[in-house]
C-alpha cells in the first residue's frame, strides 16, 4: 500500500513538474527596422533567463534578435496575449 501511494505521489509530482511554460517577448530585425511582440512555448526551465536563452537561438534562425523576455507564465496566460501577439503567437 505504501509503495502504491508513493508511486501515485511521484506520478502526480512528475505531471506538475512537466507543466507547460510560455514566455512573451519582444524582438527586432534591422535594415529596415522591424519590431514584434510574440509568445512562445518554452521547453526547458520555466524562468525568464532560460526562456531568453532558448528564444535567442530560435529567433536568430529567422533573422530576429531578442530584445527582452517580458514574462514567463503557464497556459492560463495564453488567451489574454493571443491578440497582441498576432502572427507571432506560438510561431517561434
PDB file of N, CA and C in Angstrom:
ATOM      1  N   UNK A   1       0.823  -1.196   0.000  1.00  0.00           N
ATOM      2  CA  UNK A   1       0.000   0.000   0.000  1.00  0.00           C
ATOM      3  C   UNK A   1       0.869   1.264   0.000  1.00  0.00           C
ATOM      4  N   UNK A   2       1.937   1.258   0.826  1.00  0.00           N
ATOM      5  CA  UNK A   2       2.817   2.420   0.873  1.00  0.00           C
ATOM      6  C   UNK A   2       3.504   2.647  -0.466  1.00  0.00           C
ATOM      7  N   UNK A   3       3.910   1.544  -1.112  1.00  0.00           N
ATOM      8  CA  UNK A   3       4.558   1.664  -2.428  1.00  0.00           C
ATOM      9  C   UNK A   3       3.597   2.246  -3.449  1.00  0.00           C
ATOM     10  N   UNK A   4       2.342   1.842  -3.371  1.00  0.00           N
ATOM     11  CA  UNK A   4       1.342   2.342  -4.304  1.00  0.00           C
ATOM     12  C   UNK A   4       1.133   3.845  -4.101  1.00  0.00           C
ATOM     13  N   UNK A   5       1.038   4.285  -2.854  1.00  0.00           N
ATOM     14  CA  UNK A   5       0.866   5.704  -2.569  1.00  0.00           C
ATOM     15  C   UNK A   5       2.081   6.505  -3.007  1.00  0.00           C
ATOM     16  N   UNK A   6       3.262   5.963  -2.782  1.00  0.00           N
ATOM     17  CA  UNK A   6       4.479   6.629  -3.218  1.00  0.00           C
ATOM     18  C   UNK A   6       4.518   6.753  -4.734  1.00  0.00           C
ATOM     19  N   UNK A   7       4.129   5.709  -5.429  1.00  0.00           N
ATOM     20  CA  UNK A   7       4.097   5.735  -6.891  1.00  0.00           C
ATOM     21  C   UNK A   7       3.120   6.786  -7.395  1.00  0.00           C
ATOM     22  N   UNK A   8       1.953   6.858  -6.792  1.00  0.00           N
ATOM     23  CA  UNK A   8       0.960   7.860  -7.189  1.00  0.00           C
ATOM     24  C   UNK A   8       1.468   9.273  -6.922  1.00  0.00           C
ATOM     25  N   UNK A   9       2.142   9.454  -5.806  1.00  0.00           N
ATOM     26  CA  UNK A   9       2.697  10.766  -5.488  1.00  0.00           C
ATOM     27  C   UNK A   9       3.766  11.163  -6.497  1.00  0.00           C
ATOM     28  N   UNK A  10       4.613  10.224  -6.890  1.00  0.00           N
ATOM     29  CA  UNK A  10       5.651  10.513  -7.882  1.00  0.00           C
ATOM     30  C   UNK A  10       5.057  10.853  -9.241  1.00  0.00           C
ATOM     31  N   UNK A  11       4.021  10.150  -9.632  1.00  0.00           N
ATOM     32  CA  UNK A  11       3.346  10.431 -10.904  1.00  0.00           C
ATOM     33  C   UNK A  11       2.727  11.824 -10.864  1.00  0.00           C
ATOM     34  N   UNK A  12       2.074  12.165  -9.757  1.00  0.00           N
ATOM     35  CA  UNK A  12       1.467  13.490  -9.624  1.00  0.00           C
ATOM     36  C   UNK A  12       2.530  14.577  -9.661  1.00  0.00           C
ATOM     37  N   UNK A  13       3.659  14.354  -8.974  1.00  0.00           N
ATOM     38  CA  UNK A  13       4.741  15.324  -8.971  1.00  0.00           C
ATOM     39  C   UNK A  13       5.328  15.484 -10.369  1.00  0.00           C
ATOM     40  N   UNK A  14       5.519  14.405 -11.084  1.00  0.00           N
ATOM     41  CA  UNK A  14       6.080  14.460 -12.438  1.00  0.00           C
ATOM     42  C   UNK A  14       5.169  15.254 -13.353  1.00  0.00           C
ATOM     43  N   UNK A  15       3.867  15.091 -13.217  1.00  0.00           N
ATOM     44  CA  UNK A  15       2.925  15.851 -14.028  1.00  0.00           C
ATOM     45  C   UNK A  15       3.002  17.334 -13.729  1.00  0.00           C
ATOM     46  N   UNK A  16       3.178  17.685 -12.472  1.00  0.00           N
ATOM     47  CA  UNK A  16       3.298  19.078 -12.086  1.00  0.00           C
ATOM     48  C   UNK A  16       4.602  19.669 -12.606  1.00  0.00           C
ATOM     49  N   UNK A  17       5.674  18.929 -12.527  1.00  0.00           N
ATOM     50  CA  UNK A  17       6.973  19.414 -12.975  1.00  0.00           C
ATOM     51  C   UNK A  17       7.001  19.615 -14.482  1.00  0.00           C
ATOM     52  N   UNK A  18       6.163  18.932 -15.208  1.00  0.00           N
ATOM     53  CA  UNK A  18       6.134  18.999 -16.661  1.00  0.00           C
ATOM     54  C   UNK A  18       5.098  20.005 -17.175  1.00  0.00           C
ATOM     55  N   UNK A  19       4.585  20.894 -16.326  1.00  0.00           N
ATOM     56  CA  UNK A  19       3.564  21.863 -16.740  1.00  0.00           C
ATOM     57  C   UNK A  19       4.109  22.719 -17.878  1.00  0.00           C
ATOM     58  N   UNK A  20       3.225  23.106 -18.770  1.00  0.00           N
ATOM     59  CA  UNK A  20       3.612  23.924 -19.917  1.00  0.00           C
ATOM     60  C   UNK A  20       4.105  25.288 -19.457  1.00  0.00           C
ATOM     61  N   UNK A  21       5.090  25.793 -20.158  1.00  0.00           N
ATOM     62  CA  UNK A  21       5.663  27.099 -19.847  1.00  0.00           C
ATOM     63  C   UNK A  21       5.699  27.932 -21.125  1.00  0.00           C
ATOM     64  N   UNK A  22       5.330  29.178 -20.997  1.00  0.00           N
ATOM     65  CA  UNK A  22       5.307  30.097 -22.134  1.00  0.00           C
ATOM     66  C   UNK A  22       6.011  31.385 -21.736  1.00  0.00           C
ATOM     67  N   UNK A  23       6.507  32.096 -22.739  1.00  0.00           N
ATOM     68  CA  UNK A  23       7.134  33.398 -22.498  1.00  0.00           C
ATOM     69  C   UNK A  23       6.609  34.380 -23.527  1.00  0.00           C
ATOM     70  N   UNK A  24       6.376  35.603 -23.095  1.00  0.00           N
ATOM     71  CA  UNK A  24       6.132  36.654 -24.079  1.00  0.00           C
ATOM     72  C   UNK A  24       7.400  37.493 -24.147  1.00  0.00           C
ATOM     73  N   UNK A  25       7.693  37.972 -25.334  1.00  0.00           N
ATOM     74  CA  UNK A  25       8.990  38.600 -25.608  1.00  0.00           C
ATOM     75  C   UNK A  25       8.841  39.685 -26.659  1.00  0.00           C
ATOM     76  N   UNK A  26       9.903  40.474 -26.808  1.00  0.00           N
ATOM     77  CA  UNK A  26       9.994  41.479 -27.864  1.00  0.00           C
ATOM     78  C   UNK A  26      11.256  41.190 -28.666  1.00  0.00           C
ATOM     79  N   UNK A  27      11.155  41.347 -29.983  1.00  0.00           N
ATOM     80  CA  UNK A  27      12.286  41.067 -30.869  1.00  0.00           C
ATOM     81  C   UNK A  27      12.355  42.114 -31.975  1.00  0.00           C
ATOM     82  N   UNK A  28      13.515  42.167 -32.630  1.00  0.00           N
ATOM     83  CA  UNK A  28      13.696  43.137 -33.715  1.00  0.00           C
ATOM     84  C   UNK A  28      14.489  42.534 -34.860  1.00  0.00           C
ATOM     85  N   UNK A  29      14.343  43.163 -36.021  1.00  0.00           N
ATOM     86  CA  UNK A  29      15.192  42.932 -37.186  1.00  0.00           C
ATOM     87  C   UNK A  29      15.715  44.294 -37.612  1.00  0.00           C
ATOM     88  N   UNK A  30      16.914  44.326 -38.152  1.00  0.00           N
ATOM     89  CA  UNK A  30      17.494  45.584 -38.626  1.00  0.00           C
ATOM     90  C   UNK A  30      17.465  45.640 -40.146  1.00  0.00           C
ATOM     91  N   UNK A  31      17.496  46.868 -40.639  1.00  0.00           N
ATOM     92  CA  UNK A  31      17.685  47.164 -42.065  1.00  0.00           C
ATOM     93  C   UNK A  31      16.667  46.502 -42.983  1.00  0.00           C
ATOM     94  N   UNK A  32      15.441  46.933 -43.002  1.00  0.00           N
ATOM     95  CA  UNK A  32      14.865  48.020 -42.215  1.00  0.00           C
ATOM     96  C   UNK A  32      14.459  47.528 -40.825  1.00  0.00           C
ATOM     97  N   UNK A  33      14.351  48.476 -39.910  1.00  0.00           N
ATOM     98  CA  UNK A  33      13.980  48.133 -38.543  1.00  0.00           C
ATOM     99  C   UNK A  33      12.548  47.604 -38.503  1.00  0.00           C
ATOM    100  N   UNK A  34      12.396  46.424 -37.911  1.00  0.00           N
ATOM    101  CA  UNK A  34      11.084  45.811 -37.696  1.00  0.00           C
ATOM    102  C   UNK A  34      11.065  45.300 -36.262  1.00  0.00           C
ATOM    103  N   UNK A  35       9.937  45.471 -35.600  1.00  0.00           N
ATOM    104  CA  UNK A  35       9.766  45.012 -34.224  1.00  0.00           C
ATOM    105  C   UNK A  35       8.585  44.066 -34.148  1.00  0.00           C
ATOM    106  N   UNK A  36       8.649  43.132 -33.228  1.00  0.00           N
ATOM    107  CA  UNK A  36       7.459  42.328 -32.968  1.00  0.00           C
ATOM    108  C   UNK A  36       7.406  41.874 -31.514  1.00  0.00           C
ATOM    109  N   UNK A  37       6.173  41.649 -31.092  1.00  0.00           N
ATOM    110  CA  UNK A  37       5.876  41.086 -29.778  1.00  0.00           C
ATOM    111  C   UNK A  37       5.352  39.685 -30.051  1.00  0.00           C
ATOM    112  N   UNK A  38       5.843  38.700 -29.312  1.00  0.00           N
ATOM    113  CA  UNK A  38       5.406  37.333 -29.556  1.00  0.00           C
ATOM    114  C   UNK A  38       5.262  36.526 -28.283  1.00  0.00           C
ATOM    115  N   UNK A  39       4.675  35.361 -28.449  1.00  0.00           N
ATOM    116  CA  UNK A  39       4.509  34.386 -27.363  1.00  0.00           C
ATOM    117  C   UNK A  39       5.056  33.069 -27.878  1.00  0.00           C
ATOM    118  N   UNK A  40       5.874  32.403 -27.052  1.00  0.00           N
ATOM    119  CA  UNK A  40       6.478  31.131 -27.449  1.00  0.00           C
ATOM    120  C   UNK A  40       6.393  30.140 -26.306  1.00  0.00           C
ATOM    121  N   UNK A  41       6.277  28.871 -26.661  1.00  0.00           N
ATOM    122  CA  UNK A  41       6.332  27.824 -25.654  1.00  0.00           C
ATOM    123  C   UNK A  41       7.795  27.542 -25.343  1.00  0.00           C
ATOM    124  N   UNK A  42       8.094  27.384 -24.071  1.00  0.00           N
ATOM    125  CA  UNK A  42       9.460  27.153 -23.615  1.00  0.00           C
ATOM    126  C   UNK A  42       9.567  25.702 -23.161  1.00  0.00           C
ATOM    127  N   UNK A  43      10.591  25.017 -23.629  1.00  0.00           N
ATOM    128  CA  UNK A  43      10.731  23.600 -23.333  1.00  0.00           C
ATOM    129  C   UNK A  43      11.562  23.291 -22.105  1.00  0.00           C
ATOM    130  N   UNK A  44      12.387  24.204 -21.681  1.00  0.00           N
ATOM    131  CA  UNK A  44      13.263  23.932 -20.548  1.00  0.00           C
ATOM    132  C   UNK A  44      12.707  24.463 -19.251  1.00  0.00           C
ATOM    133  N   UNK A  45      13.602  24.942 -18.421  1.00  0.00           N
ATOM    134  CA  UNK A  45      13.218  25.528 -17.143  1.00  0.00           C
ATOM    135  C   UNK A  45      12.336  26.741 -17.378  1.00  0.00           C
ATOM    136  N   UNK A  46      11.315  26.885 -16.573  1.00  0.00           N
ATOM    137  CA  UNK A  46      10.365  27.984 -16.743  1.00  0.00           C
ATOM    138  C   UNK A  46      10.844  29.209 -15.972  1.00  0.00           C
ATOM    139  N   UNK A  47      11.830  29.899 -16.549  1.00  0.00           N
ATOM    140  CA  UNK A  47      12.340  31.135 -15.970  1.00  0.00           C
ATOM    141  C   UNK A  47      12.643  32.096 -17.113  1.00  0.00           C
ATOM    142  N   UNK A  48      12.691  33.368 -16.795  1.00  0.00           N
ATOM    143  CA  UNK A  48      12.980  34.372 -17.824  1.00  0.00           C
ATOM    144  C   UNK A  48      14.360  34.154 -18.433  1.00  0.00           C
ATOM    145  N   UNK A  49      15.333  33.777 -17.613  1.00  0.00           N
ATOM    146  CA  UNK A  49      16.694  33.562 -18.113  1.00  0.00           C
ATOM    147  C   UNK A  49      16.744  32.380 -19.086  1.00  0.00           C
ATOM    148  N   UNK A  50      16.094  31.277 -18.709  1.00  0.00           N
ATOM    149  CA  UNK A  50      16.082  30.101 -19.581  1.00  0.00           C
ATOM    150  C   UNK A  50      15.304  30.382 -20.860  1.00  0.00           C
ATOM    151  N   UNK A  51      14.211  31.120 -20.740  1.00  0.00           N
ATOM    152  CA  UNK A  51      13.418  31.474 -21.919  1.00  0.00           C
ATOM    153  C   UNK A  51      14.244  32.332 -22.871  1.00  0.00           C
ATOM    154  N   UNK A  52      14.984  33.294 -22.330  1.00  0.00           N
ATOM    155  CA  UNK A  52      15.809  34.163 -23.173  1.00  0.00           C
ATOM    156  C   UNK A  52      16.852  33.351 -23.925  1.00  0.00           C
ATOM    157  N   UNK A  53      17.474  32.441 -23.236  1.00  0.00           N
ATOM    158  CA  UNK A  53      18.498  31.611 -23.871  1.00  0.00           C
ATOM    159  C   UNK A  53      17.890  30.769 -24.996  1.00  0.00           C
ATOM    160  N   UNK A  54      16.743  30.183 -24.739  1.00  0.00           N
ATOM    161  CA  UNK A  54      16.088  29.348 -25.749  1.00  0.00           C
ATOM    162  C   UNK A  54      15.589  30.182 -26.929  1.00  0.00           C
ATOM    163  N   UNK A  55      15.016  31.346 -26.644  1.00  0.00           N
ATOM    164  CA  UNK A  55      14.457  32.183 -27.707  1.00  0.00           C
ATOM    165  C   UNK A  55      15.526  32.827 -28.580  1.00  0.00           C
ATOM    166  N   UNK A  56      16.668  33.164 -28.013  1.00  0.00           N
ATOM    167  CA  UNK A  56      17.736  33.784 -28.815  1.00  0.00           C
ATOM    168  C   UNK A  56      18.071  32.934 -30.040  1.00  0.00           C
ATOM    169  N   UNK A  57      18.265  31.654 -29.829  1.00  0.00           N
ATOM    170  CA  UNK A  57      18.648  30.803 -30.961  1.00  0.00           C
ATOM    171  C   UNK A  57      17.483  30.589 -31.923  1.00  0.00           C
ATOM    172  N   UNK A  58      16.290  30.405 -31.404  1.00  0.00           N
ATOM    173  CA  UNK A  58      15.123  30.223 -32.292  1.00  0.00           C
ATOM    174  C   UNK A  58      14.906  31.441 -33.169  1.00  0.00           C
ATOM    175  N   UNK A  59      14.932  32.607 -32.557  1.00  0.00           N
ATOM    176  CA  UNK A  59      14.689  33.835 -33.305  1.00  0.00           C
ATOM    177  C   UNK A  59      15.817  34.122 -34.289  1.00  0.00           C
ATOM    178  N   UNK A  60      17.060  33.865 -33.899  1.00  0.00           N
ATOM    179  CA  UNK A  60      18.211  34.125 -34.763  1.00  0.00           C
ATOM    180  C   UNK A  60      18.130  33.335 -36.065  1.00  0.00           C
ATOM    181  N   UNK A  61      17.622  32.114 -35.996  1.00  0.00           N
ATOM    182  CA  UNK A  61      17.490  31.298 -37.221  1.00  0.00           C
ATOM    183  C   UNK A  61      16.583  31.954 -38.248  1.00  0.00           C
ATOM    184  N   UNK A  62      15.660  32.809 -37.780  1.00  0.00           N
ATOM    185  CA  UNK A  62      14.748  33.502 -38.692  1.00  0.00           C
ATOM    186  C   UNK A  62      15.150  34.961 -38.899  1.00  0.00           C
ATOM    187  N   UNK A  63      16.354  35.338 -38.431  1.00  0.00           N
ATOM    188  CA  UNK A  63      16.844  36.689 -38.656  1.00  0.00           C
ATOM    189  C   UNK A  63      16.383  37.718 -37.636  1.00  0.00           C
ATOM    190  N   UNK A  64      15.864  37.283 -36.516  1.00  0.00           N
ATOM    191  CA  UNK A  64      15.394  38.186 -35.462  1.00  0.00           C
ATOM    192  C   UNK A  64      16.382  38.200 -34.306  1.00  0.00           C
ATOM    193  N   UNK A  65      16.417  39.321 -33.578  1.00  0.00           N
ATOM    194  CA  UNK A  65      17.231  39.464 -32.384  1.00  0.00           C
ATOM    195  C   UNK A  65      16.299  39.666 -31.193  1.00  0.00           C
ATOM    196  N   UNK A  66      16.474  38.865 -30.168  1.00  0.00           N
ATOM    197  CA  UNK A  66      15.662  39.007 -28.962  1.00  0.00           C
ATOM    198  C   UNK A  66      16.038  40.295 -28.250  1.00  0.00           C
ATOM    199  N   UNK A  67      15.047  41.119 -27.934  1.00  0.00           N
ATOM    200  CA  UNK A  67      15.279  42.331 -27.157  1.00  0.00           C
ATOM    201  C   UNK A  67      15.122  42.039 -25.671  1.00  0.00           C
ATOM    202  N   UNK A  68      14.007  41.400 -25.299  1.00  0.00           N
ATOM    203  CA  UNK A  68      13.813  41.020 -23.909  1.00  0.00           C
ATOM    204  C   UNK A  68      12.653  40.046 -23.761  1.00  0.00           C
ATOM    205  N   UNK A  69      12.705  39.307 -22.670  1.00  0.00           N
ATOM    206  CA  UNK A  69      11.593  38.449 -22.277  1.00  0.00           C
ATOM    207  C   UNK A  69      10.755  39.279 -21.320  1.00  0.00           C
ATOM    208  N   UNK A  70       9.494  39.458 -21.650  1.00  0.00           N
ATOM    209  CA  UNK A  70       8.597  40.265 -20.823  1.00  0.00           C
ATOM    210  C   UNK A  70       8.218  39.504 -19.567  1.00  0.00           C
ATOM    211  N   UNK A  71       7.792  38.242 -19.741  1.00  0.00           N
ATOM    212  CA  UNK A  71       7.403  37.417 -18.596  1.00  0.00           C
ATOM    213  C   UNK A  71       7.324  35.960 -19.016  1.00  0.00           C
ATOM    214  N   UNK A  72       7.275  35.085 -18.032  1.00  0.00           N
ATOM    215  CA  UNK A  72       7.008  33.669 -18.260  1.00  0.00           C
ATOM    216  C   UNK A  72       5.736  33.324 -17.503  1.00  0.00           C
ATOM    217  N   UNK A  73       4.968  32.375 -18.031  1.00  0.00           N
ATOM    218  CA  UNK A  73       3.658  32.069 -17.468  1.00  0.00           C
ATOM    219  C   UNK A  73       3.226  30.688 -17.924  1.00  0.00           C
ATOM    220  N   UNK A  74       2.132  30.187 -17.358  1.00  0.00           N
ATOM    221  CA  UNK A  74       1.596  28.896 -17.780  1.00  0.00           C
ATOM    222  C   UNK A  74       0.448  29.117 -18.761  1.00  0.00           C
ATOM    223  N   UNK A  75      -0.261  28.045 -19.110  1.00  0.00           N
ATOM    224  CA  UNK A  75      -1.297  28.125 -20.144  1.00  0.00           C
ATOM    225  C   UNK A  75      -2.444  29.074 -19.800  1.00  0.00           C
ATOM    226  N   UNK A  76      -2.597  29.418 -18.535  1.00  0.00           N
ATOM    227  CA  UNK A  76      -3.672  30.344 -18.157  1.00  0.00           C
ATOM    228  C   UNK A  76      -3.442  31.741 -18.722  1.00  0.00           C
ATOM    229  N   UNK A  77      -2.224  32.090 -19.094  1.00  0.00           N
ATOM    230  CA  UNK A  77      -1.943  33.415 -19.621  1.00  0.00           C
ATOM    231  C   UNK A  77      -1.998  33.515 -21.136  1.00  0.00           C
ATOM    232  N   UNK A  78      -2.287  32.425 -21.812  1.00  0.00           N
ATOM    233  CA  UNK A  78      -2.250  32.432 -23.278  1.00  0.00           C
ATOM    234  C   UNK A  78      -3.346  33.281 -23.907  1.00  0.00           C
ATOM    235  N   UNK A  79      -4.583  33.077 -23.491  1.00  0.00           N
ATOM    236  CA  UNK A  79      -5.715  33.759 -24.138  1.00  0.00           C
ATOM    237  C   UNK A  79      -5.583  35.279 -24.119  1.00  0.00           C
ATOM    238  N   UNK A  80      -5.138  35.827 -23.012  1.00  0.00           N
ATOM    239  CA  UNK A  80      -5.052  37.284 -22.902  1.00  0.00           C
ATOM    240  C   UNK A  80      -3.944  37.880 -23.767  1.00  0.00           C
ATOM    241  N   UNK A  81      -3.015  37.060 -24.231  1.00  0.00           N
ATOM    242  CA  UNK A  81      -1.895  37.556 -25.036  1.00  0.00           C
ATOM    243  C   UNK A  81      -2.023  37.245 -26.524  1.00  0.00           C
ATOM    244  N   UNK A  82      -2.962  36.420 -26.898  1.00  0.00           N
ATOM    245  CA  UNK A  82      -3.062  35.962 -28.281  1.00  0.00           C
ATOM    246  C   UNK A  82      -3.282  37.102 -29.267  1.00  0.00           C
ATOM    247  N   UNK A  83      -4.207  37.995 -28.995  1.00  0.00           N
ATOM    248  CA  UNK A  83      -4.479  39.096 -29.920  1.00  0.00           C
ATOM    249  C   UNK A  83      -3.273  40.020 -30.068  1.00  0.00           C
ATOM    250  N   UNK A  84      -2.600  40.309 -28.965  1.00  0.00           N
ATOM    251  CA  UNK A  84      -1.441  41.204 -29.013  1.00  0.00           C
ATOM    252  C   UNK A  84      -0.293  40.602 -29.816  1.00  0.00           C
ATOM    253  N   UNK A  85      -0.113  39.294 -29.718  1.00  0.00           N
ATOM    254  CA  UNK A  85       0.985  38.633 -30.430  1.00  0.00           C
ATOM    255  C   UNK A  85       0.680  38.442 -31.911  1.00  0.00           C
ATOM    256  N   UNK A  86      -0.578  38.397 -32.272  1.00  0.00           N
ATOM    257  CA  UNK A  86      -0.955  38.270 -33.685  1.00  0.00           C
ATOM    258  C   UNK A  86      -0.262  37.099 -34.359  1.00  0.00           C
ATOM    259  N   UNK A  87       0.425  37.346 -35.504  1.00  0.00           N
ATOM    260  CA  UNK A  87       1.065  36.242 -36.233  1.00  0.00           C
ATOM    261  C   UNK A  87       2.265  35.631 -35.500  1.00  0.00           C
ATOM    262  N   UNK A  88       2.706  36.269 -34.423  1.00  0.00           N
ATOM    263  CA  UNK A  88       3.850  35.758 -33.667  1.00  0.00           C
ATOM    264  C   UNK A  88       3.409  34.998 -32.406  1.00  0.00           C
ATOM    265  N   UNK A  89       2.149  34.615 -32.364  1.00  0.00           N
ATOM    266  CA  UNK A  89       1.620  33.814 -31.267  1.00  0.00           C
ATOM    267  C   UNK A  89       2.001  32.353 -31.516  1.00  0.00           C
ATOM    268  N   UNK A  90       2.889  31.831 -30.686  1.00  0.00           N
ATOM    269  CA  UNK A  90       3.396  30.457 -30.774  1.00  0.00           C
ATOM    270  C   UNK A  90       4.079  30.145 -32.097  1.00  0.00           C
ATOM    271  N   UNK A  91       4.629  31.169 -32.768  1.00  0.00           N
ATOM    272  CA  UNK A  91       5.337  30.972 -34.033  1.00  0.00           C
ATOM    273  C   UNK A  91       6.753  30.458 -33.827  1.00  0.00           C
ATOM    274  N   UNK A  92       7.442  30.947 -32.810  1.00  0.00           N
ATOM    275  CA  UNK A  92       8.836  30.555 -32.590  1.00  0.00           C
ATOM    276  C   UNK A  92       8.963  29.673 -31.381  1.00  0.00           C
TER     277      UNK A  92
END
